[in-house]
Amino acid sequence: MPAVEDTANARDTQNDFVKTTVSGPVLELSKSVDLSEIRPYEILTYTSTYSNSGNAYATNVYIIDYIPVNTRYVTNSGEVANSLHAGTATVEYYALSGWSNSAYDVPSKVSNIDKIKWTFSDNVAASAKGTLQYKLLIE
């Protein structure tokens, strides 16, 4: 009996591809600073831009940024500068003793702040974006 080939279900192994649809939040974050050349005692403004390019809400979102050495956080400069989603963010500061929601509560000096954290009170919706800022003094 001759061999029979099933051409209706033949597989083209040279042109296989898989299409995957991602469903869920996709958070993107970029960071910039306003000065390219710096001198002692100048103030830098750091800007972080976030967005959710996914197709679902992002929940429990927080962003932590580390304060570089030889800089000092400028008190009360951490803010949500521009937000295109309904939620708000609280700002916290980390020093030797842990997180605090006030830079004034940091023991000793404000210069002890090592990190700054924004915690979003609401979900970050699909297509939402915003800007976070803070200032540092160059020592």
C-alpha atoms as a PDB file:
ATOM      1  CA  MET A   1       0.000   0.000   0.000  1.00  0.00           C
ATOM      2  CA  PRO A   2       1.405   3.398  -0.918  1.00  0.00           C
ATOM      3  CA  ALA A   3       2.142   5.936   1.856  1.00  0.00           C
ATOM      4  CA  VAL A   4      -0.523   8.561   2.381  1.00  0.00           C
ATOM      5  CA  GLU A   5       0.486  12.100   3.353  1.00  0.00           C
ATOM      6  CA  ASP A   6      -1.911  14.322   5.279  1.00  0.00           C
ATOM      7  CA  THR A   7      -1.366  17.696   3.594  1.00  0.00           C
ATOM      8  CA  ALA A   8      -4.390  19.310   5.238  1.00  0.00           C
ATOM      9  CA  ASN A   9      -2.599  19.303   8.619  1.00  0.00           C
ATOM     10  CA  ALA A  10       0.952  19.674   7.328  1.00  0.00           C
ATOM     11  CA  ARG A  11       3.201  21.881   9.419  1.00  0.00           C
ATOM     12  CA  ASP A  12       5.395  24.560   7.921  1.00  0.00           C
ATOM     13  CA  THR A  13       8.331  24.514  10.347  1.00  0.00           C
ATOM     14  CA  GLN A  14      10.192  27.340   8.582  1.00  0.00           C
ATOM     15  CA  ASN A  15       7.428  29.887   9.089  1.00  0.00           C
ATOM     16  CA  ASP A  16       6.055  29.008  12.537  1.00  0.00           C
ATOM     17  CA  PHE A  17       5.231  31.899  14.801  1.00  0.00           C
ATOM     18  CA  VAL A  18       3.383  32.407  18.016  1.00  0.00           C
ATOM     19  CA  LYS A  19       1.332  35.472  18.782  1.00  0.00           C
ATOM     20  CA  THR A  20       1.166  36.243  22.493  1.00  0.00           C
ATOM     21  CA  THR A  21      -1.180  38.842  23.888  1.00  0.00           C
ATOM     22  CA  VAL A  22      -0.069  40.284  27.201  1.00  0.00           C
ATOM     23  CA  SER A  23      -2.890  41.109  29.547  1.00  0.00           C
ATOM     24  CA  GLY A  24      -2.160  43.121  32.654  1.00  0.00           C
ATOM     25  CA  PRO A  25      -0.368  46.229  33.812  1.00  0.00           C
ATOM     26  CA  VAL A  26       2.939  47.254  32.244  1.00  0.00           C
ATOM     27  CA  LEU A  27       4.665  49.891  34.361  1.00  0.00           C
ATOM     28  CA  GLU A  28       7.390  52.001  32.819  1.00  0.00           C
ATOM     29  CA  LEU A  29       9.664  54.408  34.688  1.00  0.00           C
ATOM     30  CA  SER A  30      12.249  56.895  33.462  1.00  0.00           C
ATOM     31  CA  LYS A  31      14.412  59.286  35.470  1.00  0.00           C
ATOM     32  CA  SER A  32      16.202  62.490  34.552  1.00  0.00           C
ATOM     33  CA  VAL A  33      18.047  65.351  36.239  1.00  0.00           C
ATOM     34  CA  ASP A  34      17.895  69.009  35.210  1.00  0.00           C
ATOM     35  CA  LEU A  35      21.638  69.817  35.206  1.00  0.00           C
ATOM     36  CA  SER A  36      24.372  68.104  33.218  1.00  0.00           C
ATOM     37  CA  GLU A  37      27.247  69.943  34.927  1.00  0.00           C
ATOM     38  CA  ILE A  38      27.213  70.486  38.665  1.00  0.00           C
ATOM     39  CA  ARG A  39      29.119  72.403  41.314  1.00  0.00           C
ATOM     40  CA  PRO A  40      29.019  72.192  45.113  1.00  0.00           C
ATOM     41  CA  TYR A  41      25.948  73.807  46.698  1.00  0.00           C
ATOM     42  CA  GLU A  42      23.894  73.715  43.522  1.00  0.00           C
ATOM     43  CA  ILE A  43      20.418  72.208  43.664  1.00  0.00           C
ATOM     44  CA  LEU A  44      19.476  69.380  41.330  1.00  0.00           C
ATOM     45  CA  THR A  45      15.883  68.531  40.452  1.00  0.00           C
ATOM     46  CA  TYR A  46      15.311  64.833  39.792  1.00  0.00           C
ATOM     47  CA  THR A  47      12.211  63.925  37.800  1.00  0.00           C
ATOM     48  CA  SER A  48      10.797  60.412  37.478  1.00  0.00           C
ATOM     49  CA  THR A  49       8.050  59.814  34.940  1.00  0.00           C
ATOM     50  CA  TYR A  50       5.863  56.748  35.314  1.00  0.00           C
ATOM     51  CA  SER A  51       3.198  55.231  33.078  1.00  0.00           C
ATOM     52  CA  ASN A  52       1.048  52.141  32.828  1.00  0.00           C
ATOM     53  CA  SER A  53       1.051  51.121  29.174  1.00  0.00           C
ATOM     54  CA  GLY A  54      -0.742  47.852  29.919  1.00  0.00           C
ATOM     55  CA  ASN A  55      -4.425  47.095  29.633  1.00  0.00           C
ATOM     56  CA  ALA A  56      -5.210  46.649  33.357  1.00  0.00           C
ATOM     57  CA  TYR A  57      -4.881  48.498  36.644  1.00  0.00           C
ATOM     58  CA  ALA A  58      -1.571  48.278  38.515  1.00  0.00           C
ATOM     59  CA  THR A  59      -2.192  47.700  42.220  1.00  0.00           C
ATOM     60  CA  ASN A  60      -0.050  48.292  45.307  1.00  0.00           C
ATOM     61  CA  VAL A  61       2.304  50.565  43.378  1.00  0.00           C
ATOM     62  CA  TYR A  62       5.220  52.265  45.073  1.00  0.00           C
ATOM     63  CA  ILE A  63       8.412  53.787  43.706  1.00  0.00           C
ATOM     64  CA  ILE A  64      11.651  53.994  45.701  1.00  0.00           C
ATOM     65  CA  ASP A  65      14.546  56.190  44.644  1.00  0.00           C
ATOM     66  CA  TYR A  66      17.973  56.205  46.280  1.00  0.00           C
ATOM     67  CA  ILE A  67      19.632  59.471  47.284  1.00  0.00           C
ATOM     68  CA  PRO A  68      23.160  59.625  45.797  1.00  0.00           C
ATOM     69  CA  VAL A  69      26.212  60.092  48.026  1.00  0.00           C
ATOM     70  CA  ASN A  70      27.510  63.642  48.481  1.00  0.00           C
ATOM     71  CA  THR A  71      24.016  65.065  48.185  1.00  0.00           C
ATOM     72  CA  ARG A  72      21.428  66.168  50.720  1.00  0.00           C
ATOM     73  CA  TYR A  73      17.670  65.929  50.264  1.00  0.00           C
ATOM     74  CA  VAL A  74      15.974  69.353  50.165  1.00  0.00           C
ATOM     75  CA  THR A  75      13.237  69.226  52.824  1.00  0.00           C
ATOM     76  CA  ASN A  76       9.667  68.961  51.510  1.00  0.00           C
ATOM     77  CA  SER A  77      10.736  68.844  47.853  1.00  0.00           C
ATOM     78  CA  GLY A  78       9.342  65.332  47.212  1.00  0.00           C
ATOM     79  CA  GLU A  79       6.101  65.708  45.310  1.00  0.00           C
ATOM     80  CA  VAL A  80       3.786  64.334  42.678  1.00  0.00           C
ATOM     81  CA  ALA A  81       4.419  67.087  40.156  1.00  0.00           C
ATOM     82  CA  ASN A  82       1.954  66.027  37.482  1.00  0.00           C
ATOM     83  CA  SER A  83      -0.410  63.107  37.659  1.00  0.00           C
ATOM     84  CA  LEU A  84      -2.818  62.035  34.963  1.00  0.00           C
ATOM     85  CA  HIS A  85      -4.538  59.440  37.116  1.00  0.00           C
ATOM     86  CA  ALA A  86      -7.023  59.980  39.894  1.00  0.00           C
ATOM     87  CA  GLY A  87      -4.870  58.676  42.733  1.00  0.00           C
ATOM     88  CA  THR A  88      -2.526  60.482  45.035  1.00  0.00           C
ATOM     89  CA  ALA A  89       0.835  59.420  46.406  1.00  0.00           C
ATOM     90  CA  THR A  90       2.274  59.794  49.869  1.00  0.00           C
ATOM     91  CA  VAL A  91       5.966  60.514  50.257  1.00  0.00           C
ATOM     92  CA  GLU A  92       8.111  58.728  52.829  1.00  0.00           C
ATOM     93  CA  TYR A  93      11.774  59.064  53.714  1.00  0.00           C
ATOM     94  CA  TYR A  94      14.251  56.428  54.824  1.00  0.00           C
ATOM     95  CA  ALA A  95      17.115  57.090  57.202  1.00  0.00           C
ATOM     96  CA  LEU A  96      19.043  54.943  59.632  1.00  0.00           C
ATOM     97  CA  SER A  97      15.999  54.221  61.759  1.00  0.00           C
ATOM     98  CA  GLY A  98      13.527  53.298  59.010  1.00  0.00           C
ATOM     99  CA  TRP A  99      10.708  54.925  57.046  1.00  0.00           C
ATOM    100  CA  SER A 100       9.034  58.173  58.105  1.00  0.00           C
ATOM    101  CA  ASN A 101       6.351  60.275  56.431  1.00  0.00           C
ATOM    102  CA  SER A 102       8.088  63.505  57.427  1.00  0.00           C
ATOM    103  CA  ALA A 103      11.642  64.558  56.663  1.00  0.00           C
ATOM    104  CA  TYR A 104      11.572  66.430  59.987  1.00  0.00           C
ATOM    105  CA  ASP A 105      11.106  63.129  61.861  1.00  0.00           C
ATOM    106  CA  VAL A 106      14.411  61.794  60.573  1.00  0.00           C
ATOM    107  CA  PRO A 107      16.816  61.650  63.515  1.00  0.00           C
ATOM    108  CA  SER A 108      19.748  64.019  63.631  1.00  0.00           C
ATOM    109  CA  LYS A 109      19.682  65.786  60.253  1.00  0.00           C
ATOM    110  CA  VAL A 110      17.771  65.724  57.000  1.00  0.00           C
ATOM    111  CA  SER A 111      21.105  64.763  55.411  1.00  0.00           C
ATOM    112  CA  ASN A 112      20.582  61.245  56.806  1.00  0.00           C
ATOM    113  CA  ILE A 113      17.899  60.495  54.228  1.00  0.00           C
ATOM    114  CA  ASP A 114      19.033  57.590  52.026  1.00  0.00           C
ATOM    115  CA  LYS A 115      15.851  56.860  50.051  1.00  0.00           C
ATOM    116  CA  ILE A 116      12.598  58.482  49.080  1.00  0.00           C
ATOM    117  CA  LYS A 117       9.419  56.468  48.485  1.00  0.00           C
ATOM    118  CA  TRP A 118       6.119  57.324  46.821  1.00  0.00           C
ATOM    119  CA  THR A 119       3.196  55.018  47.648  1.00  0.00           C
ATOM    120  CA  PHE A 120       0.092  55.381  45.484  1.00  0.00           C
ATOM    121  CA  SER A 121      -3.197  55.388  47.359  1.00  0.00           C
ATOM    122  CA  ASP A 122      -5.200  54.213  44.340  1.00  0.00           C
ATOM    123  CA  ASN A 123      -4.577  51.816  41.501  1.00  0.00           C
ATOM    124  CA  VAL A 124      -2.670  53.174  38.516  1.00  0.00           C
ATOM    125  CA  ALA A 125      -5.078  52.735  35.626  1.00  0.00           C
ATOM    126  CA  ALA A 126      -4.191  51.595  32.131  1.00  0.00           C
ATOM    127  CA  SER A 127      -2.909  54.608  30.131  1.00  0.00           C
ATOM    128  CA  ALA A 128      -2.280  56.589  33.330  1.00  0.00           C
ATOM    129  CA  LYS A 129       0.958  58.490  33.719  1.00  0.00           C
ATOM    130  CA  GLY A 130       2.483  61.037  36.019  1.00  0.00           C
ATOM    131  CA  THR A 131       5.624  62.777  37.211  1.00  0.00           C
ATOM    132  CA  LEU A 132       7.399  62.667  40.578  1.00  0.00           C
ATOM    133  CA  GLN A 133      10.059  65.172  41.608  1.00  0.00           C
ATOM    134  CA  TYR A 134      12.492  65.948  44.396  1.00  0.00           C
ATOM    135  CA  LYS A 135      15.488  68.212  44.895  1.00  0.00           C
ATOM    136  CA  LEU A 136      18.985  67.512  46.170  1.00  0.00           C
ATOM    137  CA  LEU A 137      21.716  69.881  47.318  1.00  0.00           C
ATOM    138  CA  ILE A 138      25.209  69.002  46.096  1.00  0.00           C
ATOM    139  CA  GLU A 139      27.606  68.884  49.064  1.00  0.00           C
END
